Amino acid sequence: MPRYTPASDLLAARHILVTGAGDGIGRAAALTFAAHGASVILLGRTASKLEKVYDEIEQCGGPQAAILPLDLAQATPVHYEQVAQTIEKEFGGLDGLLHNAADAGTLTPMELYEPDMWYRVMQVNLHAAWLLTRACLPLLRKSGDASIVFTTADVGRQGRAYRGAYGVSCFGLEGLMQILADECATETRIRVNSLDPGAVRTGMRARAYPGENPRTLPAPEDIMPAYLYLLGPDSRGVNGQALNAGDFLK
């Protein structure tokens, strides 16, 4: 794929929900989407972080954003239905859903993995993604061109020792993407894909690889062309694909 250069108004008049929007890739995505014309709905655990991103969008002159604090580790199906109801009330519908929030868990052999940590990682990374998608599908169907993107990882496409619950949850996300994409194949209004951002300079990456020099890694902003492509109209017809962010930077 040639290097992708998005139009400045690529996401004009679109409403896009971003999970994990308080920092890292989620923050970069929210700011980038707003800069390209989208009204961004910021969902995350820490309200203060979301407020900072909201203020940044406002200072840059982006469209009016919205804040939805939600702890995915504790949320119940009712909470996700409430999120969808709030979005419908405030925006009327939804054009994009970026699943980005994640818990990396621990680097531990399977037999030593703590059950409580396992349950938490699965809840945040996989169960929350399904529940939020389930609640938002009626809103996405109202759009003439909707996109769902699951942020995954290489360890969800090829198993690797000690990645534990995180790796398994990413495999689950890839399966969820494929099944949902197949179900939506006849609904040309909704496309579903996954994206592996690769090694990126984020706090989660630093915690997982403490000996790594972060300066050798791209910043979250550097991989935004991939997210813009998938959430924007240029990816119409792309469905059920497991993509890599690096492919958009060549």
C-alpha atoms as a PDB file:
ATOM      1  CA  MET A   1       0.000   0.000   0.000  1.00  0.00           C
ATOM      2  CA  PRO A   2       1.427   3.457  -0.902  1.00  0.00           C
ATOM      3  CA  ARG A   3       1.915   6.030   1.835  1.00  0.00           C
ATOM      4  CA  TYR A   4      -1.484   7.396   2.815  1.00  0.00           C
ATOM      5  CA  THR A   5      -2.092  11.148   2.799  1.00  0.00           C
ATOM      6  CA  PRO A   6      -5.541  12.058   4.181  1.00  0.00           C
ATOM      7  CA  ALA A   7      -7.544  15.085   3.120  1.00  0.00           C
ATOM      8  CA  SER A   8      -7.713  17.849   5.723  1.00  0.00           C
ATOM      9  CA  ASP A   9     -11.512  17.529   5.989  1.00  0.00           C
ATOM     10  CA  LEU A  10     -11.529  13.728   5.788  1.00  0.00           C
ATOM     11  CA  LEU A  11     -13.777  13.253   8.834  1.00  0.00           C
ATOM     12  CA  ALA A  12     -15.968  16.331   8.540  1.00  0.00           C
ATOM     13  CA  ALA A  13     -19.435  15.916  10.084  1.00  0.00           C
ATOM     14  CA  ARG A  14     -18.558  12.476  11.493  1.00  0.00           C
ATOM     15  CA  HIS A  15     -19.099  11.406  15.090  1.00  0.00           C
ATOM     16  CA  ILE A  16     -16.421   9.020  16.333  1.00  0.00           C
ATOM     17  CA  LEU A  17     -16.169   7.253  19.697  1.00  0.00           C
ATOM     18  CA  VAL A  18     -12.640   6.559  20.953  1.00  0.00           C
ATOM     19  CA  THR A  19     -11.961   4.331  23.970  1.00  0.00           C
ATOM     20  CA  GLY A  20      -8.838   4.848  26.039  1.00  0.00           C
ATOM     21  CA  ALA A  21      -8.864   8.446  24.815  1.00  0.00           C
ATOM     22  CA  GLY A  22      -7.018   9.905  27.795  1.00  0.00           C
ATOM     23  CA  ASP A  23      -3.469   9.154  26.700  1.00  0.00           C
ATOM     24  CA  GLY A  24      -1.230   7.265  24.279  1.00  0.00           C
ATOM     25  CA  ILE A  25      -2.681   6.180  20.967  1.00  0.00           C
ATOM     26  CA  GLY A  26      -6.228   7.031  22.052  1.00  0.00           C
ATOM     27  CA  ARG A  27      -5.322  10.631  22.836  1.00  0.00           C
ATOM     28  CA  ALA A  28      -3.438  11.017  19.563  1.00  0.00           C
ATOM     29  CA  ALA A  29      -6.358   9.530  17.650  1.00  0.00           C
ATOM     30  CA  ALA A  30      -8.879  11.830  19.301  1.00  0.00           C
ATOM     31  CA  LEU A  31      -6.816  14.943  18.545  1.00  0.00           C
ATOM     32  CA  THR A  32      -6.116  13.793  14.992  1.00  0.00           C
ATOM     33  CA  PHE A  33      -9.746  12.933  14.258  1.00  0.00           C
ATOM     34  CA  ALA A  34     -10.848  16.335  15.575  1.00  0.00           C
ATOM     35  CA  ALA A  35      -8.200  18.075  13.455  1.00  0.00           C
ATOM     36  CA  HIS A  36      -9.724  16.381  10.406  1.00  0.00           C
ATOM     37  CA  GLY A  37     -13.253  17.531  11.226  1.00  0.00           C
ATOM     38  CA  ALA A  38     -14.751  14.847  13.488  1.00  0.00           C
ATOM     39  CA  SER A  39     -16.785  15.367  16.614  1.00  0.00           C
ATOM     40  CA  VAL A  40     -14.990  13.018  18.992  1.00  0.00           C
ATOM     41  CA  ILE A  41     -16.554  11.235  21.957  1.00  0.00           C
ATOM     42  CA  LEU A  42     -13.821  10.634  24.527  1.00  0.00           C
ATOM     43  CA  LEU A  43     -14.284   7.501  26.631  1.00  0.00           C
ATOM     44  CA  GLY A  44     -11.827   6.516  29.339  1.00  0.00           C
ATOM     45  CA  ARG A  45     -11.357   5.683  32.988  1.00  0.00           C
ATOM     46  CA  THR A  46      -9.797   8.943  34.216  1.00  0.00           C
ATOM     47  CA  ALA A  47     -11.962  12.022  33.824  1.00  0.00           C
ATOM     48  CA  SER A  48      -9.074  14.456  34.380  1.00  0.00           C
ATOM     49  CA  LYS A  49      -7.163  13.000  31.412  1.00  0.00           C
ATOM     50  CA  LEU A  50     -10.226  13.181  29.199  1.00  0.00           C
ATOM     51  CA  GLU A  51     -10.758  16.795  30.227  1.00  0.00           C
ATOM     52  CA  LYS A  52      -7.227  17.680  29.132  1.00  0.00           C
ATOM     53  CA  VAL A  53      -7.800  16.118  25.717  1.00  0.00           C
ATOM     54  CA  TYR A  54     -11.139  17.917  25.490  1.00  0.00           C
ATOM     55  CA  ASP A  55      -9.407  21.222  26.236  1.00  0.00           C
ATOM     56  CA  GLU A  56      -6.726  20.519  23.631  1.00  0.00           C
ATOM     57  CA  ILE A  57      -9.376  19.902  20.992  1.00  0.00           C
ATOM     58  CA  GLU A  58     -11.130  23.123  21.947  1.00  0.00           C
ATOM     59  CA  GLN A  59      -7.896  25.137  21.902  1.00  0.00           C
ATOM     60  CA  CYS A  60      -7.126  23.864  18.404  1.00  0.00           C
ATOM     61  CA  GLY A  61     -10.549  24.892  17.158  1.00  0.00           C
ATOM     62  CA  GLY A  62     -11.868  21.389  16.617  1.00  0.00           C
ATOM     63  CA  PRO A  63     -15.572  20.483  16.595  1.00  0.00           C
ATOM     64  CA  GLN A  64     -17.317  20.154  19.952  1.00  0.00           C
ATOM     65  CA  ALA A  65     -16.153  16.990  21.701  1.00  0.00           C
ATOM     66  CA  ALA A  66     -17.843  15.024  24.480  1.00  0.00           C
ATOM     67  CA  ILE A  67     -16.553  13.209  27.566  1.00  0.00           C
ATOM     68  CA  LEU A  68     -17.799   9.824  28.809  1.00  0.00           C
ATOM     69  CA  PRO A  69     -15.831   8.586  31.849  1.00  0.00           C
ATOM     70  CA  LEU A  70     -16.148   4.815  32.243  1.00  0.00           C
ATOM     71  CA  ASP A  71     -14.025   2.221  34.015  1.00  0.00           C
ATOM     72  CA  LEU A  72     -14.124  -0.753  31.653  1.00  0.00           C
ATOM     73  CA  ALA A  73     -12.866  -3.091  34.368  1.00  0.00           C
ATOM     74  CA  GLN A  74     -15.978  -2.429  36.440  1.00  0.00           C
ATOM     75  CA  ALA A  75     -18.605  -1.609  33.815  1.00  0.00           C
ATOM     76  CA  THR A  76     -21.687  -3.802  33.407  1.00  0.00           C
ATOM     77  CA  PRO A  77     -23.834  -4.296  30.278  1.00  0.00           C
ATOM     78  CA  VAL A  78     -26.147  -1.572  31.600  1.00  0.00           C
ATOM     79  CA  HIS A  79     -23.307   0.965  31.534  1.00  0.00           C
ATOM     80  CA  TYR A  80     -22.659   0.286  27.846  1.00  0.00           C
ATOM     81  CA  GLU A  81     -26.327   0.703  27.034  1.00  0.00           C
ATOM     82  CA  GLN A  82     -26.230   4.032  28.869  1.00  0.00           C
ATOM     83  CA  VAL A  83     -23.235   5.103  26.780  1.00  0.00           C
ATOM     84  CA  ALA A  84     -25.159   4.349  23.599  1.00  0.00           C
ATOM     85  CA  GLN A  85     -28.239   6.181  24.884  1.00  0.00           C
ATOM     86  CA  THR A  86     -26.150   9.243  25.726  1.00  0.00           C
ATOM     87  CA  ILE A  87     -24.547   9.292  22.279  1.00  0.00           C
ATOM     88  CA  GLU A  88     -27.941   8.950  20.596  1.00  0.00           C
ATOM     89  CA  LYS A  89     -29.348  11.789  22.668  1.00  0.00           C
ATOM     90  CA  GLU A  90     -26.408  14.129  22.085  1.00  0.00           C
ATOM     91  CA  PHE A  91     -25.412  13.247  18.515  1.00  0.00           C
ATOM     92  CA  GLY A  92     -28.244  11.202  17.023  1.00  0.00           C
ATOM     93  CA  GLY A  93     -25.943   8.495  15.704  1.00  0.00           C
ATOM     94  CA  LEU A  94     -22.372   7.283  15.312  1.00  0.00           C
ATOM     95  CA  ASP A  95     -20.057   7.041  12.301  1.00  0.00           C
ATOM     96  CA  GLY A  96     -16.985   5.458  13.860  1.00  0.00           C
ATOM     97  CA  LEU A  97     -15.939   3.342  16.828  1.00  0.00           C
ATOM     98  CA  LEU A  98     -12.270   2.975  17.681  1.00  0.00           C
ATOM     99  CA  HIS A  99     -11.515   0.331  20.294  1.00  0.00           C
ATOM    100  CA  ASN A 100      -8.184   1.348  21.772  1.00  0.00           C
ATOM    101  CA  ALA A 101      -8.382   0.890  25.552  1.00  0.00           C
ATOM    102  CA  ALA A 102      -6.281  -2.019  26.790  1.00  0.00           C
ATOM    103  CA  ASP A 103      -4.675  -3.580  29.849  1.00  0.00           C
ATOM    104  CA  ALA A 104      -1.321  -5.259  29.118  1.00  0.00           C
ATOM    105  CA  GLY A 105      -1.504  -7.558  32.145  1.00  0.00           C
ATOM    106  CA  THR A 106       1.797  -9.156  33.139  1.00  0.00           C
ATOM    107  CA  LEU A 107       4.626 -11.030  31.411  1.00  0.00           C
ATOM    108  CA  THR A 108       4.035 -14.369  33.112  1.00  0.00           C
ATOM    109  CA  PRO A 109       4.012 -18.080  32.209  1.00  0.00           C
ATOM    110  CA  MET A 110       0.498 -19.459  31.821  1.00  0.00           C
ATOM    111  CA  GLU A 111       0.709 -21.725  34.868  1.00  0.00           C
ATOM    112  CA  LEU A 112       1.726 -18.810  37.105  1.00  0.00           C
ATOM    113  CA  TYR A 113      -0.724 -16.213  35.800  1.00  0.00           C
ATOM    114  CA  GLU A 114      -2.903 -14.722  38.530  1.00  0.00           C
ATOM    115  CA  PRO A 115      -6.604 -15.460  37.882  1.00  0.00           C
ATOM    116  CA  ASP A 116      -7.713 -12.009  39.052  1.00  0.00           C
ATOM    117  CA  MET A 117      -5.345 -10.337  36.588  1.00  0.00           C
ATOM    118  CA  TRP A 118      -6.488 -12.702  33.831  1.00  0.00           C
ATOM    119  CA  TYR A 119     -10.135 -11.813  34.430  1.00  0.00           C
ATOM    120  CA  ARG A 120      -9.365  -8.093  34.495  1.00  0.00           C
ATOM    121  CA  VAL A 121      -7.431  -8.140  31.210  1.00  0.00           C
ATOM    122  CA  MET A 122     -10.163 -10.121  29.488  1.00  0.00           C
ATOM    123  CA  GLN A 123     -12.813  -7.759  30.829  1.00  0.00           C
ATOM    124  CA  VAL A 124     -11.037  -4.594  29.678  1.00  0.00           C
ATOM    125  CA  ASN A 125      -9.638  -5.821  26.367  1.00  0.00           C
ATOM    126  CA  LEU A 126     -12.216  -8.270  25.044  1.00  0.00           C
ATOM    127  CA  HIS A 127     -15.507  -8.271  26.930  1.00  0.00           C
ATOM    128  CA  ALA A 128     -15.725  -4.464  26.970  1.00  0.00           C
ATOM    129  CA  ALA A 129     -15.061  -4.306  23.235  1.00  0.00           C
ATOM    130  CA  TRP A 130     -17.905  -6.728  22.544  1.00  0.00           C
ATOM    131  CA  LEU A 131     -20.344  -5.070  24.936  1.00  0.00           C
ATOM    132  CA  LEU A 132     -19.656  -1.566  23.622  1.00  0.00           C
ATOM    133  CA  THR A 133     -19.909  -2.696  20.008  1.00  0.00           C
ATOM    134  CA  ARG A 134     -23.143  -4.523  20.765  1.00  0.00           C
ATOM    135  CA  ALA A 135     -24.640  -1.421  22.344  1.00  0.00           C
ATOM    136  CA  CYS A 136     -23.488   0.908  19.549  1.00  0.00           C
ATOM    137  CA  LEU A 137     -24.417  -1.152  16.479  1.00  0.00           C
ATOM    138  CA  PRO A 138     -27.905   0.416  16.196  1.00  0.00           C
ATOM    139  CA  LEU A 139     -26.262   3.857  16.183  1.00  0.00           C
ATOM    140  CA  LEU A 140     -23.695   2.826  13.573  1.00  0.00           C
ATOM    141  CA  ARG A 141     -26.460   1.506  11.316  1.00  0.00           C
ATOM    142  CA  LYS A 142     -27.873   5.036  11.175  1.00  0.00           C
ATOM    143  CA  SER A 143     -24.706   6.180   9.435  1.00  0.00           C
ATOM    144  CA  GLY A 144     -24.321   6.016   5.682  1.00  0.00           C
ATOM    145  CA  ASP A 145     -20.671   5.045   6.110  1.00  0.00           C
ATOM    146  CA  ALA A 146     -19.641   3.582   9.467  1.00  0.00           C
ATOM    147  CA  SER A 147     -16.375   1.988  10.561  1.00  0.00           C
ATOM    148  CA  ILE A 148     -15.401  -0.144  13.553  1.00  0.00           C
ATOM    149  CA  VAL A 149     -11.689  -0.570  14.272  1.00  0.00           C
ATOM    150  CA  PHE A 150     -10.208  -2.914  16.866  1.00  0.00           C
ATOM    151  CA  THR A 151      -6.680  -2.046  17.974  1.00  0.00           C
ATOM    152  CA  THR A 152      -4.860  -5.347  18.474  1.00  0.00           C
ATOM    153  CA  ALA A 153      -1.215  -6.495  18.464  1.00  0.00           C
ATOM    154  CA  ASP A 154       1.165  -8.909  16.775  1.00  0.00           C
ATOM    155  CA  VAL A 155       0.859 -11.250  19.775  1.00  0.00           C
ATOM    156  CA  GLY A 156      -2.806 -11.665  18.836  1.00  0.00           C
ATOM    157  CA  ARG A 157      -1.842 -12.984  15.411  1.00  0.00           C
ATOM    158  CA  GLN A 158       1.113 -15.146  16.388  1.00  0.00           C
ATOM    159  CA  GLY A 159       1.331 -16.553  19.912  1.00  0.00           C
ATOM    160  CA  ARG A 160       4.345 -15.611  21.981  1.00  0.00           C
ATOM    161  CA  ALA A 161       5.533 -16.972  25.317  1.00  0.00           C
ATOM    162  CA  TYR A 162       4.599 -15.107  28.491  1.00  0.00           C
ATOM    163  CA  ARG A 163       2.154 -12.696  26.844  1.00  0.00           C
ATOM    164  CA  GLY A 164      -0.597 -14.425  28.810  1.00  0.00           C
ATOM    165  CA  ALA A 165      -4.009 -12.792  29.008  1.00  0.00           C
ATOM    166  CA  TYR A 166      -3.017  -9.867  26.808  1.00  0.00           C
ATOM    167  CA  GLY A 167      -2.045 -12.148  23.935  1.00  0.00           C
ATOM    168  CA  VAL A 168      -5.158 -14.282  24.329  1.00  0.00           C
ATOM    169  CA  SER A 169      -7.395 -11.190  24.484  1.00  0.00           C
ATOM    170  CA  CYS A 170      -5.845  -9.904  21.243  1.00  0.00           C
ATOM    171  CA  PHE A 171      -6.509 -13.256  19.574  1.00  0.00           C
ATOM    172  CA  GLY A 172     -10.083 -12.873  20.809  1.00  0.00           C
ATOM    173  CA  LEU A 173     -10.349  -9.391  19.313  1.00  0.00           C
ATOM    174  CA  GLU A 174      -9.152 -10.691  15.957  1.00  0.00           C
ATOM    175  CA  GLY A 175     -11.842 -13.385  16.088  1.00  0.00           C
ATOM    176  CA  LEU A 176     -14.481 -10.876  17.162  1.00  0.00           C
ATOM    177  CA  MET A 177     -13.482  -8.643  14.252  1.00  0.00           C
ATOM    178  CA  GLN A 178     -13.684 -11.466  11.726  1.00  0.00           C
ATOM    179  CA  ILE A 179     -17.072 -12.728  12.889  1.00  0.00           C
ATOM    180  CA  LEU A 180     -18.585  -9.248  13.091  1.00  0.00           C
ATOM    181  CA  ALA A 181     -17.132  -8.295   9.710  1.00  0.00           C
ATOM    182  CA  ASP A 182     -18.709 -11.386   8.164  1.00  0.00           C
ATOM    183  CA  GLU A 183     -22.043 -10.543   9.747  1.00  0.00           C
ATOM    184  CA  CYS A 184     -21.777  -6.982   8.421  1.00  0.00           C
ATOM    185  CA  ALA A 185     -20.630  -8.036   4.950  1.00  0.00           C
ATOM    186  CA  THR A 186     -24.116  -7.574   3.551  1.00  0.00           C
ATOM    187  CA  GLU A 187     -24.525  -4.270   5.427  1.00  0.00           C
ATOM    188  CA  THR A 188     -22.487  -1.996   3.202  1.00  0.00           C
ATOM    189  CA  ARG A 189     -22.904   0.833   5.687  1.00  0.00           C
ATOM    190  CA  ILE A 190     -20.650  -0.793   8.308  1.00  0.00           C
ATOM    191  CA  ARG A 191     -17.113  -2.113   7.853  1.00  0.00           C
ATOM    192  CA  VAL A 192     -15.064  -3.844  10.560  1.00  0.00           C
ATOM    193  CA  ASN A 193     -11.280  -4.216  10.671  1.00  0.00           C
ATOM    194  CA  SER A 194      -8.394  -4.632  13.108  1.00  0.00           C
ATOM    195  CA  LEU A 195      -5.144  -2.694  13.263  1.00  0.00           C
ATOM    196  CA  ASP A 196      -1.824  -3.612  14.826  1.00  0.00           C
ATOM    197  CA  PRO A 197      -0.104  -0.298  15.623  1.00  0.00           C
ATOM    198  CA  GLY A 198       3.262  -1.991  16.117  1.00  0.00           C
ATOM    199  CA  ALA A 199       5.791  -0.846  18.694  1.00  0.00           C
ATOM    200  CA  VAL A 200       4.807   2.702  19.648  1.00  0.00           C
ATOM    201  CA  ARG A 201       6.105   5.115  22.281  1.00  0.00           C
ATOM    202  CA  THR A 202       3.359   4.763  24.898  1.00  0.00           C
ATOM    203  CA  GLY A 203       3.192   4.260  28.643  1.00  0.00           C
ATOM    204  CA  MET A 204       1.783   0.753  28.205  1.00  0.00           C
ATOM    205  CA  ARG A 205       4.679  -0.180  25.935  1.00  0.00           C
ATOM    206  CA  ALA A 206       7.190   1.205  28.445  1.00  0.00           C
ATOM    207  CA  ARG A 207       5.681  -0.851  31.248  1.00  0.00           C
ATOM    208  CA  ALA A 208       5.760  -4.005  29.144  1.00  0.00           C
ATOM    209  CA  TYR A 209       9.326  -3.439  27.913  1.00  0.00           C
ATOM    210  CA  PRO A 210      11.120  -1.446  30.637  1.00  0.00           C
ATOM    211  CA  GLY A 211      14.561  -2.022  29.120  1.00  0.00           C
ATOM    212  CA  GLU A 212      13.624  -0.588  25.729  1.00  0.00           C
ATOM    213  CA  ASN A 213      14.730   2.888  24.656  1.00  0.00           C
ATOM    214  CA  PRO A 214      11.461   4.706  23.821  1.00  0.00           C
ATOM    215  CA  ARG A 215      13.313   7.158  21.582  1.00  0.00           C
ATOM    216  CA  THR A 216      13.812   4.372  19.065  1.00  0.00           C
ATOM    217  CA  LEU A 217      10.037   4.004  18.639  1.00  0.00           C
ATOM    218  CA  PRO A 218       7.571   6.079  16.627  1.00  0.00           C
ATOM    219  CA  ALA A 219       5.270   8.408  18.553  1.00  0.00           C
ATOM    220  CA  PRO A 220       1.504   7.744  18.529  1.00  0.00           C
ATOM    221  CA  GLU A 221       1.057  10.692  16.176  1.00  0.00           C
ATOM    222  CA  ASP A 222       3.305   9.011  13.605  1.00  0.00           C
ATOM    223  CA  ILE A 223       0.898   6.116  13.016  1.00  0.00           C
ATOM    224  CA  MET A 224      -2.277   8.176  12.722  1.00  0.00           C
ATOM    225  CA  PRO A 225      -2.507   7.842   8.905  1.00  0.00           C
ATOM    226  CA  ALA A 226      -3.594   4.222   9.409  1.00  0.00           C
ATOM    227  CA  TYR A 227      -6.377   5.185  11.789  1.00  0.00           C
ATOM    228  CA  LEU A 228      -7.510   8.045   9.563  1.00  0.00           C
ATOM    229  CA  TYR A 229      -7.715   5.710   6.601  1.00  0.00           C
ATOM    230  CA  LEU A 230      -9.803   3.133   8.441  1.00  0.00           C
ATOM    231  CA  LEU A 231     -12.172   5.622  10.103  1.00  0.00           C
ATOM    232  CA  GLY A 232     -12.581   7.734   6.979  1.00  0.00           C
ATOM    233  CA  PRO A 233     -14.413   7.207   3.684  1.00  0.00           C
ATOM    234  CA  ASP A 234     -11.293   6.147   1.767  1.00  0.00           C
ATOM    235  CA  SER A 235     -11.542   2.670   3.324  1.00  0.00           C
ATOM    236  CA  ARG A 236     -15.024   1.951   1.985  1.00  0.00           C
ATOM    237  CA  GLY A 237     -15.148  -1.657   0.872  1.00  0.00           C
ATOM    238  CA  VAL A 238     -12.318  -2.717   3.207  1.00  0.00           C
ATOM    239  CA  ASN A 239     -13.876  -5.220   5.606  1.00  0.00           C
ATOM    240  CA  GLY A 240     -12.618  -8.095   7.735  1.00  0.00           C
ATOM    241  CA  GLN A 241      -8.954  -7.169   7.308  1.00  0.00           C
ATOM    242  CA  ALA A 242      -6.140  -7.522   9.882  1.00  0.00           C
ATOM    243  CA  LEU A 243      -3.948  -4.549   8.998  1.00  0.00           C
ATOM    244  CA  ASN A 244      -0.645  -3.100  10.227  1.00  0.00           C
ATOM    245  CA  ALA A 245      -0.065   0.596  10.844  1.00  0.00           C
ATOM    246  CA  GLY A 246       3.404   0.453   9.352  1.00  0.00           C
ATOM    247  CA  ASP A 247       1.978  -0.428   5.960  1.00  0.00           C
ATOM    248  CA  PHE A 248       0.478   3.071   5.697  1.00  0.00           C
ATOM    249  CA  LEU A 249       3.813   4.797   6.254  1.00  0.00           C
ATOM    250  CA  LYS A 250       5.789   3.255   3.396  1.00  0.00           C
END
